[in-house]
């Protein structure tokens, strides 16, 4: 891929010339010169520069998404050729949240490798935005997650719905929230624990008109006492404190084995759709469609199939 575009992506990801220069093993003056040259070629400012670093302008965001697309296509082509040379075309690289790995994906992967013992498998566990970042970078081909509200259409993804779930609240035995139905206001009076890190670089995934609302209401909640990308650490924290762990209800039995109990909610929980995110450009590929089918069948074997809301 073009050298200037590669350097541009590095600066955008690092948020500074110094960080990008270190990652690219080039000098900062050289990188600064090249970014100025790229802006002259494009004919528009790509970065807003300040003492805090460099952020993308709206022109820069457009170039960023398209440059990542070009890099994905280039990397995917090289990977496909490498797979052909190794004879490992049936390998898979997918991302998932912990719930889906525990509920059905783990068994599906084991069965897959029994069927194709030489196929390499790469599984990335994480929250939906980190997995989106990995898919856009070409590190994984698809991922399982809740449907993301306010996602920008410019990203170029398809969402294949699988099932409906709701967020439940889990606490240690003897917690004050147990013993009867609780309102959301009562639950929110306790500190919250979530298995998701707030990373500002992921704001670019959202429609600008809705981005700020989502980030402030989900990632910047003042009641969040503890958050980490380790679900095991979240469970440990909830067991040791009065904090409430927010997580998908399907892990109720799993958490129960660890000593956490689901809080009974006074109002009917709002259900969200869980499914598979995949790049639009890859829909129709035989291997991608086959894998989507395998995941769908594995999910439907243990969770209610998705049906459109009436």
C-alpha atoms as a PDB file:
ATOM      1  CA  UNK A   1       0.000   0.000   0.000  1.00  0.00           C
ATOM      2  CA  UNK A   2       1.116   3.606  -0.571  1.00  0.00           C
ATOM      3  CA  UNK A   3       3.753   4.719   1.951  1.00  0.00           C
ATOM      4  CA  UNK A   4       2.112   8.067   2.728  1.00  0.00           C
ATOM      5  CA  UNK A   5      -1.245   6.437   3.433  1.00  0.00           C
ATOM      6  CA  UNK A   6       0.407   3.885   5.713  1.00  0.00           C
ATOM      7  CA  UNK A   7       2.078   6.701   7.632  1.00  0.00           C
ATOM      8  CA  UNK A   8      -1.180   8.671   7.725  1.00  0.00           C
ATOM      9  CA  UNK A   9      -2.982   5.727   9.343  1.00  0.00           C
ATOM     10  CA  UNK A  10      -0.221   5.400  11.916  1.00  0.00           C
ATOM     11  CA  UNK A  11      -0.483   9.083  12.891  1.00  0.00           C
ATOM     12  CA  UNK A  12      -4.281   8.875  13.113  1.00  0.00           C
ATOM     13  CA  UNK A  13      -4.106   5.782  15.331  1.00  0.00           C
ATOM     14  CA  UNK A  14      -1.338   7.146  17.568  1.00  0.00           C
ATOM     15  CA  UNK A  15      -2.810  10.638  17.847  1.00  0.00           C
ATOM     16  CA  UNK A  16       0.631  12.225  17.633  1.00  0.00           C
ATOM     17  CA  UNK A  17       3.630  12.465  15.340  1.00  0.00           C
ATOM     18  CA  UNK A  18       6.014  11.252  18.018  1.00  0.00           C
ATOM     19  CA  UNK A  19       4.024   8.100  18.746  1.00  0.00           C
ATOM     20  CA  UNK A  20       3.623   7.286  15.064  1.00  0.00           C
ATOM     21  CA  UNK A  21       7.273   7.977  14.312  1.00  0.00           C
ATOM     22  CA  UNK A  22       8.319   5.553  17.044  1.00  0.00           C
ATOM     23  CA  UNK A  23       5.974   2.861  15.714  1.00  0.00           C
ATOM     24  CA  UNK A  24       7.173   3.364  12.139  1.00  0.00           C
ATOM     25  CA  UNK A  25      10.874   3.618  13.024  1.00  0.00           C
ATOM     26  CA  UNK A  26      11.312   6.928  11.188  1.00  0.00           C
ATOM     27  CA  UNK A  27      12.208  10.412  12.391  1.00  0.00           C
ATOM     28  CA  UNK A  28       9.512  12.835  13.483  1.00  0.00           C
ATOM     29  CA  UNK A  29      10.622  15.605  11.043  1.00  0.00           C
ATOM     30  CA  UNK A  30      10.395  13.138   8.143  1.00  0.00           C
ATOM     31  CA  UNK A  31       6.907  12.087   9.197  1.00  0.00           C
ATOM     32  CA  UNK A  32       5.798  15.707   9.625  1.00  0.00           C
ATOM     33  CA  UNK A  33       7.092  16.561   6.143  1.00  0.00           C
ATOM     34  CA  UNK A  34       5.271  13.581   4.643  1.00  0.00           C
ATOM     35  CA  UNK A  35       1.965  14.480   6.318  1.00  0.00           C
ATOM     36  CA  UNK A  36       2.225  18.047   5.005  1.00  0.00           C
ATOM     37  CA  UNK A  37       2.950  16.604   1.566  1.00  0.00           C
ATOM     38  CA  UNK A  38      -0.115  14.335   1.794  1.00  0.00           C
ATOM     39  CA  UNK A  39      -2.328  17.291   2.769  1.00  0.00           C
ATOM     40  CA  UNK A  40      -1.040  19.228  -0.231  1.00  0.00           C
ATOM     41  CA  UNK A  41      -1.808  16.260  -2.498  1.00  0.00           C
ATOM     42  CA  UNK A  42      -5.322  15.837  -1.089  1.00  0.00           C
ATOM     43  CA  UNK A  43      -5.925  19.579  -1.092  1.00  0.00           C
ATOM     44  CA  UNK A  44      -7.472  19.701   2.380  1.00  0.00           C
ATOM     45  CA  UNK A  45      -6.321  19.713   6.028  1.00  0.00           C
ATOM     46  CA  UNK A  46      -6.328  16.194   7.431  1.00  0.00           C
ATOM     47  CA  UNK A  47      -5.411  16.948  11.052  1.00  0.00           C
ATOM     48  CA  UNK A  48      -6.256  19.472  13.732  1.00  0.00           C
ATOM     49  CA  UNK A  49      -2.972  20.056  15.544  1.00  0.00           C
ATOM     50  CA  UNK A  50      -2.785  21.131  19.183  1.00  0.00           C
ATOM     51  CA  UNK A  51      -0.534  20.740  22.210  1.00  0.00           C
ATOM     52  CA  UNK A  52      -2.534  17.610  23.113  1.00  0.00           C
ATOM     53  CA  UNK A  53      -1.789  15.885  19.832  1.00  0.00           C
ATOM     54  CA  UNK A  54      -3.386  15.459  16.416  1.00  0.00           C
ATOM     55  CA  UNK A  55      -7.021  14.660  15.687  1.00  0.00           C
ATOM     56  CA  UNK A  56      -8.648  14.020  12.342  1.00  0.00           C
ATOM     57  CA  UNK A  57     -10.637  16.686  10.548  1.00  0.00           C
ATOM     58  CA  UNK A  58     -13.767  15.634   8.669  1.00  0.00           C
ATOM     59  CA  UNK A  59     -11.585  15.357   5.556  1.00  0.00           C
ATOM     60  CA  UNK A  60      -9.152  13.250   7.532  1.00  0.00           C
ATOM     61  CA  UNK A  61     -11.922  10.942   8.757  1.00  0.00           C
ATOM     62  CA  UNK A  62     -13.024  10.338   5.167  1.00  0.00           C
ATOM     63  CA  UNK A  63      -9.480   9.512   4.100  1.00  0.00           C
ATOM     64  CA  UNK A  64      -8.978   7.380   7.202  1.00  0.00           C
ATOM     65  CA  UNK A  65     -11.923   5.064   6.533  1.00  0.00           C
ATOM     66  CA  UNK A  66     -11.055   4.679   2.856  1.00  0.00           C
ATOM     67  CA  UNK A  67      -7.348   4.165   3.544  1.00  0.00           C
ATOM     68  CA  UNK A  68      -8.221   1.415   6.005  1.00  0.00           C
ATOM     69  CA  UNK A  69     -10.416  -0.161   3.347  1.00  0.00           C
ATOM     70  CA  UNK A  70      -7.518  -0.114   0.887  1.00  0.00           C
ATOM     71  CA  UNK A  71      -5.204  -1.636   3.476  1.00  0.00           C
ATOM     72  CA  UNK A  72      -7.741  -4.370   4.262  1.00  0.00           C
ATOM     73  CA  UNK A  73      -8.110  -5.273   0.616  1.00  0.00           C
ATOM     74  CA  UNK A  74      -4.336  -5.356   0.159  1.00  0.00           C
ATOM     75  CA  UNK A  75      -3.743  -7.413   3.321  1.00  0.00           C
ATOM     76  CA  UNK A  76      -6.624  -9.786   2.563  1.00  0.00           C
ATOM     77  CA  UNK A  77      -5.171 -10.422  -0.889  1.00  0.00           C
ATOM     78  CA  UNK A  78      -1.753 -11.229   0.538  1.00  0.00           C
ATOM     79  CA  UNK A  79      -3.309 -13.444   3.231  1.00  0.00           C
ATOM     80  CA  UNK A  80      -5.387 -15.328   0.663  1.00  0.00           C
ATOM     81  CA  UNK A  81      -2.294 -15.998  -1.426  1.00  0.00           C
ATOM     82  CA  UNK A  82      -0.351 -17.103   1.648  1.00  0.00           C
ATOM     83  CA  UNK A  83      -3.194 -19.447   2.669  1.00  0.00           C
ATOM     84  CA  UNK A  84      -3.231 -20.964  -0.792  1.00  0.00           C
ATOM     85  CA  UNK A  85       0.513 -21.566  -0.626  1.00  0.00           C
ATOM     86  CA  UNK A  86       0.176 -23.189   2.829  1.00  0.00           C
ATOM     87  CA  UNK A  87      -2.884 -25.181   1.817  1.00  0.00           C
ATOM     88  CA  UNK A  88      -4.810 -23.737   4.785  1.00  0.00           C
ATOM     89  CA  UNK A  89      -7.699 -21.986   3.050  1.00  0.00           C
ATOM     90  CA  UNK A  90     -10.142 -23.309   5.661  1.00  0.00           C
ATOM     91  CA  UNK A  91      -8.597 -21.370   8.553  1.00  0.00           C
ATOM     92  CA  UNK A  92     -10.755 -18.953  10.553  1.00  0.00           C
ATOM     93  CA  UNK A  93     -10.091 -15.748  12.479  1.00  0.00           C
ATOM     94  CA  UNK A  94     -13.118 -14.400  14.335  1.00  0.00           C
ATOM     95  CA  UNK A  95     -13.884 -12.239  17.343  1.00  0.00           C
ATOM     96  CA  UNK A  96     -16.467 -12.713  20.065  1.00  0.00           C
ATOM     97  CA  UNK A  97     -17.676 -11.524  23.425  1.00  0.00           C
ATOM     98  CA  UNK A  98     -17.134 -13.853  26.375  1.00  0.00           C
ATOM     99  CA  UNK A  99     -20.832 -14.810  26.531  1.00  0.00           C
ATOM    100  CA  UNK A 100     -20.946 -16.228  23.028  1.00  0.00           C
ATOM    101  CA  UNK A 101     -17.654 -18.043  23.415  1.00  0.00           C
ATOM    102  CA  UNK A 102     -18.984 -19.741  26.548  1.00  0.00           C
ATOM    103  CA  UNK A 103     -22.478 -20.479  25.243  1.00  0.00           C
ATOM    104  CA  UNK A 104     -21.790 -22.028  21.840  1.00  0.00           C
ATOM    105  CA  UNK A 105     -18.746 -20.788  19.943  1.00  0.00           C
ATOM    106  CA  UNK A 106     -16.230 -22.832  21.941  1.00  0.00           C
ATOM    107  CA  UNK A 107     -17.943 -26.106  21.029  1.00  0.00           C
ATOM    108  CA  UNK A 108     -18.354 -25.011  17.402  1.00  0.00           C
ATOM    109  CA  UNK A 109     -14.627 -24.277  17.103  1.00  0.00           C
ATOM    110  CA  UNK A 110     -13.684 -27.661  18.609  1.00  0.00           C
ATOM    111  CA  UNK A 111     -16.006 -29.441  16.177  1.00  0.00           C
ATOM    112  CA  UNK A 112     -14.590 -27.412  13.290  1.00  0.00           C
ATOM    113  CA  UNK A 113     -11.026 -28.388  14.082  1.00  0.00           C
ATOM    114  CA  UNK A 114     -12.005 -32.036  14.344  1.00  0.00           C
ATOM    115  CA  UNK A 115     -13.399 -31.700  10.814  1.00  0.00           C
ATOM    116  CA  UNK A 116     -10.396 -29.712   9.530  1.00  0.00           C
ATOM    117  CA  UNK A 117      -7.476 -30.629  11.828  1.00  0.00           C
ATOM    118  CA  UNK A 118      -4.908 -28.650   9.803  1.00  0.00           C
ATOM    119  CA  UNK A 119      -6.951 -25.426   9.702  1.00  0.00           C
ATOM    120  CA  UNK A 120      -5.467 -22.648  11.856  1.00  0.00           C
ATOM    121  CA  UNK A 121      -7.975 -20.927  14.170  1.00  0.00           C
ATOM    122  CA  UNK A 122      -7.611 -17.498  15.762  1.00  0.00           C
ATOM    123  CA  UNK A 123     -10.193 -16.292  18.300  1.00  0.00           C
ATOM    124  CA  UNK A 124     -10.160 -12.757  19.724  1.00  0.00           C
ATOM    125  CA  UNK A 125     -12.154 -12.137  22.918  1.00  0.00           C
ATOM    126  CA  UNK A 126     -13.182  -8.572  23.667  1.00  0.00           C
ATOM    127  CA  UNK A 127     -15.872  -5.910  23.643  1.00  0.00           C
ATOM    128  CA  UNK A 128     -17.727  -4.963  20.486  1.00  0.00           C
ATOM    129  CA  UNK A 129     -15.797  -1.780  19.670  1.00  0.00           C
ATOM    130  CA  UNK A 130     -12.381  -3.332  20.092  1.00  0.00           C
ATOM    131  CA  UNK A 131     -13.500  -6.217  17.880  1.00  0.00           C
ATOM    132  CA  UNK A 132     -14.814  -3.745  15.307  1.00  0.00           C
ATOM    133  CA  UNK A 133     -11.387  -2.116  15.282  1.00  0.00           C
ATOM    134  CA  UNK A 134      -9.737  -5.493  14.719  1.00  0.00           C
ATOM    135  CA  UNK A 135     -12.105  -6.380  11.885  1.00  0.00           C
ATOM    136  CA  UNK A 136     -11.534  -3.049  10.146  1.00  0.00           C
ATOM    137  CA  UNK A 137      -7.799  -3.599  10.485  1.00  0.00           C
ATOM    138  CA  UNK A 138      -8.061  -7.035   8.871  1.00  0.00           C
ATOM    139  CA  UNK A 139      -7.048  -8.979  11.993  1.00  0.00           C
ATOM    140  CA  UNK A 140     -10.352 -10.908  12.120  1.00  0.00           C
ATOM    141  CA  UNK A 141     -12.897 -11.670   9.408  1.00  0.00           C
ATOM    142  CA  UNK A 142     -16.061 -11.214  11.529  1.00  0.00           C
ATOM    143  CA  UNK A 143     -17.190 -10.978  15.127  1.00  0.00           C
ATOM    144  CA  UNK A 144     -20.175 -11.721  17.397  1.00  0.00           C
ATOM    145  CA  UNK A 145     -21.618  -8.897  19.492  1.00  0.00           C
ATOM    146  CA  UNK A 146     -24.675  -6.845  20.401  1.00  0.00           C
ATOM    147  CA  UNK A 147     -25.934  -4.639  17.597  1.00  0.00           C
ATOM    148  CA  UNK A 148     -24.188  -1.274  17.958  1.00  0.00           C
ATOM    149  CA  UNK A 149     -26.563   1.696  18.201  1.00  0.00           C
ATOM    150  CA  UNK A 150     -25.594   4.751  16.152  1.00  0.00           C
ATOM    151  CA  UNK A 151     -22.919   3.009  14.102  1.00  0.00           C
ATOM    152  CA  UNK A 152     -21.832   5.088  11.126  1.00  0.00           C
ATOM    153  CA  UNK A 153     -22.954   3.706   7.770  1.00  0.00           C
ATOM    154  CA  UNK A 154     -19.645   4.831   6.280  1.00  0.00           C
ATOM    155  CA  UNK A 155     -17.860   1.966   8.024  1.00  0.00           C
ATOM    156  CA  UNK A 156     -19.305  -0.529   5.551  1.00  0.00           C
ATOM    157  CA  UNK A 157     -20.467  -3.446   7.701  1.00  0.00           C
ATOM    158  CA  UNK A 158     -23.318  -5.946   7.506  1.00  0.00           C
ATOM    159  CA  UNK A 159     -25.052  -7.241  10.629  1.00  0.00           C
ATOM    160  CA  UNK A 160     -26.535 -10.759  10.655  1.00  0.00           C
ATOM    161  CA  UNK A 161     -28.986 -11.063  13.607  1.00  0.00           C
ATOM    162  CA  UNK A 162     -28.851 -14.273  15.662  1.00  0.00           C
ATOM    163  CA  UNK A 163     -30.893 -13.892  18.857  1.00  0.00           C
ATOM    164  CA  UNK A 164     -32.306 -11.409  21.380  1.00  0.00           C
ATOM    165  CA  UNK A 165     -30.815 -10.931  24.848  1.00  0.00           C
ATOM    166  CA  UNK A 166     -31.001  -8.457  27.705  1.00  0.00           C
ATOM    167  CA  UNK A 167     -28.515  -6.993  30.143  1.00  0.00           C
ATOM    168  CA  UNK A 168     -28.915  -8.479  33.597  1.00  0.00           C
ATOM    169  CA  UNK A 169     -27.499  -7.316  36.930  1.00  0.00           C
ATOM    170  CA  UNK A 170     -25.453  -9.670  39.080  1.00  0.00           C
ATOM    171  CA  UNK A 171     -24.421  -9.246  42.723  1.00  0.00           C
ATOM    172  CA  UNK A 172     -22.822 -11.267  45.495  1.00  0.00           C
ATOM    173  CA  UNK A 173     -24.963 -13.384  47.801  1.00  0.00           C
ATOM    174  CA  UNK A 174     -26.437 -11.371  50.666  1.00  0.00           C
ATOM    175  CA  UNK A 175     -26.456  -8.145  48.628  1.00  0.00           C
ATOM    176  CA  UNK A 176     -29.034  -5.483  49.496  1.00  0.00           C
ATOM    177  CA  UNK A 177     -30.627  -5.685  46.040  1.00  0.00           C
ATOM    178  CA  UNK A 178     -31.694  -9.304  46.500  1.00  0.00           C
ATOM    179  CA  UNK A 179     -34.999 -10.382  48.025  1.00  0.00           C
ATOM    180  CA  UNK A 180     -37.452  -8.744  45.629  1.00  0.00           C
ATOM    181  CA  UNK A 181     -37.935  -6.929  42.314  1.00  0.00           C
ATOM    182  CA  UNK A 182     -35.831  -3.787  41.951  1.00  0.00           C
ATOM    183  CA  UNK A 183     -36.255  -0.721  39.762  1.00  0.00           C
ATOM    184  CA  UNK A 184     -33.431   0.573  37.586  1.00  0.00           C
ATOM    185  CA  UNK A 185     -33.180   3.587  39.892  1.00  0.00           C
ATOM    186  CA  UNK A 186     -32.533   1.289  42.858  1.00  0.00           C
ATOM    187  CA  UNK A 187     -29.946  -0.694  40.927  1.00  0.00           C
ATOM    188  CA  UNK A 188     -28.227   2.470  39.677  1.00  0.00           C
ATOM    189  CA  UNK A 189     -27.765   3.646  43.256  1.00  0.00           C
ATOM    190  CA  UNK A 190     -24.976   1.076  43.537  1.00  0.00           C
ATOM    191  CA  UNK A 191     -21.622   1.310  41.720  1.00  0.00           C
ATOM    192  CA  UNK A 192     -21.503  -0.497  38.393  1.00  0.00           C
ATOM    193  CA  UNK A 193     -18.967  -2.997  37.073  1.00  0.00           C
ATOM    194  CA  UNK A 194     -18.633  -3.537  33.299  1.00  0.00           C
ATOM    195  CA  UNK A 195     -16.303  -5.642  31.149  1.00  0.00           C
ATOM    196  CA  UNK A 196     -15.655  -2.894  28.616  1.00  0.00           C
ATOM    197  CA  UNK A 197     -12.965  -0.242  28.479  1.00  0.00           C
ATOM    198  CA  UNK A 198     -13.713   3.295  27.308  1.00  0.00           C
ATOM    199  CA  UNK A 199     -11.378   4.072  24.408  1.00  0.00           C
ATOM    200  CA  UNK A 200     -11.874   7.486  22.833  1.00  0.00           C
ATOM    201  CA  UNK A 201     -10.385   6.364  19.497  1.00  0.00           C
ATOM    202  CA  UNK A 202     -13.530   4.299  18.944  1.00  0.00           C
ATOM    203  CA  UNK A 203     -15.737   7.401  18.816  1.00  0.00           C
ATOM    204  CA  UNK A 204     -15.088   7.580  15.095  1.00  0.00           C
ATOM    205  CA  UNK A 205     -17.263   4.482  14.594  1.00  0.00           C
ATOM    206  CA  UNK A 206     -20.434   6.423  15.336  1.00  0.00           C
ATOM    207  CA  UNK A 207     -22.618   8.755  13.349  1.00  0.00           C
ATOM    208  CA  UNK A 208     -21.401  12.257  14.328  1.00  0.00           C
ATOM    209  CA  UNK A 209     -24.965  13.385  15.158  1.00  0.00           C
ATOM    210  CA  UNK A 210     -25.294  10.577  17.740  1.00  0.00           C
ATOM    211  CA  UNK A 211     -21.683   9.986  18.752  1.00  0.00           C
ATOM    212  CA  UNK A 212     -21.511  12.275  21.743  1.00  0.00           C
ATOM    213  CA  UNK A 213     -24.730  10.991  23.296  1.00  0.00           C
ATOM    214  CA  UNK A 214     -23.634   7.381  23.098  1.00  0.00           C
ATOM    215  CA  UNK A 215     -20.177   7.948  24.498  1.00  0.00           C
ATOM    216  CA  UNK A 216     -21.430   9.931  27.462  1.00  0.00           C
ATOM    217  CA  UNK A 217     -24.303   7.615  28.385  1.00  0.00           C
ATOM    218  CA  UNK A 218     -22.487   4.316  27.973  1.00  0.00           C
ATOM    219  CA  UNK A 219     -18.742   4.790  28.350  1.00  0.00           C
ATOM    220  CA  UNK A 220     -18.563   7.797  30.676  1.00  0.00           C
ATOM    221  CA  UNK A 221     -21.138   6.779  33.290  1.00  0.00           C
ATOM    222  CA  UNK A 222     -20.192   8.353  36.588  1.00  0.00           C
ATOM    223  CA  UNK A 223     -21.573   5.350  38.492  1.00  0.00           C
ATOM    224  CA  UNK A 224     -19.050   2.952  36.943  1.00  0.00           C
ATOM    225  CA  UNK A 225     -16.754   1.962  39.763  1.00  0.00           C
ATOM    226  CA  UNK A 226     -14.672  -0.613  37.946  1.00  0.00           C
ATOM    227  CA  UNK A 227     -14.207  -1.595  34.334  1.00  0.00           C
ATOM    228  CA  UNK A 228     -11.778  -3.868  32.606  1.00  0.00           C
ATOM    229  CA  UNK A 229     -11.625  -6.065  29.529  1.00  0.00           C
ATOM    230  CA  UNK A 230     -11.306  -9.101  31.834  1.00  0.00           C
ATOM    231  CA  UNK A 231     -14.633 -10.674  32.770  1.00  0.00           C
ATOM    232  CA  UNK A 232     -12.912 -12.774  35.443  1.00  0.00           C
ATOM    233  CA  UNK A 233     -11.658  -9.582  37.104  1.00  0.00           C
ATOM    234  CA  UNK A 234     -15.191  -8.132  37.002  1.00  0.00           C
ATOM    235  CA  UNK A 235     -16.560 -11.198  38.766  1.00  0.00           C
ATOM    236  CA  UNK A 236     -13.831 -11.014  41.414  1.00  0.00           C
ATOM    237  CA  UNK A 237     -14.621  -7.347  42.052  1.00  0.00           C
ATOM    238  CA  UNK A 238     -18.372  -7.934  42.330  1.00  0.00           C
ATOM    239  CA  UNK A 239     -17.830 -10.807  44.764  1.00  0.00           C
ATOM    240  CA  UNK A 240     -15.652  -8.619  47.006  1.00  0.00           C
ATOM    241  CA  UNK A 241     -17.819  -5.456  47.023  1.00  0.00           C
ATOM    242  CA  UNK A 242     -21.401  -4.150  46.798  1.00  0.00           C
ATOM    243  CA  UNK A 243     -20.900  -3.286  43.125  1.00  0.00           C
ATOM    244  CA  UNK A 244     -23.295  -4.584  40.463  1.00  0.00           C
ATOM    245  CA  UNK A 245     -21.943  -6.475  37.448  1.00  0.00           C
ATOM    246  CA  UNK A 246     -23.824  -5.639  34.239  1.00  0.00           C
ATOM    247  CA  UNK A 247     -23.680  -8.453  31.708  1.00  0.00           C
ATOM    248  CA  UNK A 248     -25.743 -10.491  29.266  1.00  0.00           C
ATOM    249  CA  UNK A 249     -28.365 -12.637  30.984  1.00  0.00           C
ATOM    250  CA  UNK A 250     -27.307 -15.809  29.156  1.00  0.00           C
ATOM    251  CA  UNK A 251     -24.382 -16.251  31.570  1.00  0.00           C
ATOM    252  CA  UNK A 252     -26.719 -16.527  34.570  1.00  0.00           C
ATOM    253  CA  UNK A 253     -25.770 -20.150  35.289  1.00  0.00           C
ATOM    254  CA  UNK A 254     -22.080 -19.492  34.676  1.00  0.00           C
ATOM    255  CA  UNK A 255     -22.060 -16.604  37.161  1.00  0.00           C
ATOM    256  CA  UNK A 256     -24.114 -18.645  39.615  1.00  0.00           C
ATOM    257  CA  UNK A 257     -21.324 -21.215  39.750  1.00  0.00           C
ATOM    258  CA  UNK A 258     -18.970 -18.385  40.728  1.00  0.00           C
ATOM    259  CA  UNK A 259     -21.288 -17.099  43.483  1.00  0.00           C
ATOM    260  CA  UNK A 260     -23.101 -14.229  41.767  1.00  0.00           C
ATOM    261  CA  UNK A 261     -26.908 -13.956  41.755  1.00  0.00           C
ATOM    262  CA  UNK A 262     -29.105 -12.149  39.205  1.00  0.00           C
ATOM    263  CA  UNK A 263     -31.126  -9.236  40.564  1.00  0.00           C
ATOM    264  CA  UNK A 264     -34.844  -9.494  39.808  1.00  0.00           C
ATOM    265  CA  UNK A 265     -35.908  -6.451  37.769  1.00  0.00           C
ATOM    266  CA  UNK A 266     -39.207  -4.728  38.467  1.00  0.00           C
ATOM    267  CA  UNK A 267     -39.740  -3.716  34.838  1.00  0.00           C
ATOM    268  CA  UNK A 268     -39.423  -5.899  31.753  1.00  0.00           C
ATOM    269  CA  UNK A 269     -35.826  -5.583  30.501  1.00  0.00           C
ATOM    270  CA  UNK A 270     -35.298  -4.099  27.050  1.00  0.00           C
ATOM    271  CA  UNK A 271     -33.943  -6.777  24.768  1.00  0.00           C
ATOM    272  CA  UNK A 272     -31.156  -6.158  22.294  1.00  0.00           C
ATOM    273  CA  UNK A 273     -30.193  -8.079  19.181  1.00  0.00           C
ATOM    274  CA  UNK A 274     -26.983 -10.078  19.107  1.00  0.00           C
ATOM    275  CA  UNK A 275     -25.480 -11.110  15.813  1.00  0.00           C
ATOM    276  CA  UNK A 276     -22.500 -11.283  13.489  1.00  0.00           C
ATOM    277  CA  UNK A 277     -20.693  -8.238  12.112  1.00  0.00           C
ATOM    278  CA  UNK A 278     -18.937  -8.744   8.790  1.00  0.00           C
ATOM    279  CA  UNK A 279     -17.599  -6.387   6.130  1.00  0.00           C
ATOM    280  CA  UNK A 280     -20.013  -5.761   3.264  1.00  0.00           C
ATOM    281  CA  UNK A 281     -17.219  -6.279   0.790  1.00  0.00           C
ATOM    282  CA  UNK A 282     -16.832  -9.891   2.001  1.00  0.00           C
ATOM    283  CA  UNK A 283     -20.470 -10.915   1.783  1.00  0.00           C
ATOM    284  CA  UNK A 284     -20.938 -13.501  -0.907  1.00  0.00           C
ATOM    285  CA  UNK A 285     -17.519 -15.093  -0.377  1.00  0.00           C
ATOM    286  CA  UNK A 286     -18.078 -18.830  -0.054  1.00  0.00           C
ATOM    287  CA  UNK A 287     -15.900 -19.227   3.060  1.00  0.00           C
ATOM    288  CA  UNK A 288     -17.455 -16.242   4.801  1.00  0.00           C
ATOM    289  CA  UNK A 289     -21.026 -17.377   4.106  1.00  0.00           C
ATOM    290  CA  UNK A 290     -20.225 -20.925   5.217  1.00  0.00           C
ATOM    291  CA  UNK A 291     -18.805 -19.655   8.497  1.00  0.00           C
ATOM    292  CA  UNK A 292     -21.827 -17.418   9.093  1.00  0.00           C
ATOM    293  CA  UNK A 293     -24.014 -20.478   8.561  1.00  0.00           C
ATOM    294  CA  UNK A 294     -22.017 -22.567  11.036  1.00  0.00           C
ATOM    295  CA  UNK A 295     -22.172 -19.875  13.709  1.00  0.00           C
ATOM    296  CA  UNK A 296     -25.903 -19.369  13.147  1.00  0.00           C
ATOM    297  CA  UNK A 297     -26.655 -23.072  13.544  1.00  0.00           C
ATOM    298  CA  UNK A 298     -24.497 -23.310  16.673  1.00  0.00           C
ATOM    299  CA  UNK A 299     -26.281 -20.317  18.215  1.00  0.00           C
ATOM    300  CA  UNK A 300     -29.771 -21.579  17.340  1.00  0.00           C
ATOM    301  CA  UNK A 301     -29.003 -24.885  19.043  1.00  0.00           C
ATOM    302  CA  UNK A 302     -28.745 -23.229  22.473  1.00  0.00           C
ATOM    303  CA  UNK A 303     -30.501 -19.818  22.202  1.00  0.00           C
ATOM    304  CA  UNK A 304     -33.875 -18.760  20.728  1.00  0.00           C
ATOM    305  CA  UNK A 305     -33.529 -17.848  17.034  1.00  0.00           C
ATOM    306  CA  UNK A 306     -33.892 -14.175  16.171  1.00  0.00           C
ATOM    307  CA  UNK A 307     -37.294 -13.024  14.994  1.00  0.00           C
ATOM    308  CA  UNK A 308     -38.144  -9.485  13.822  1.00  0.00           C
ATOM    309  CA  UNK A 309     -39.894  -7.387  16.454  1.00  0.00           C
ATOM    310  CA  UNK A 310     -43.648  -7.272  15.877  1.00  0.00           C
END
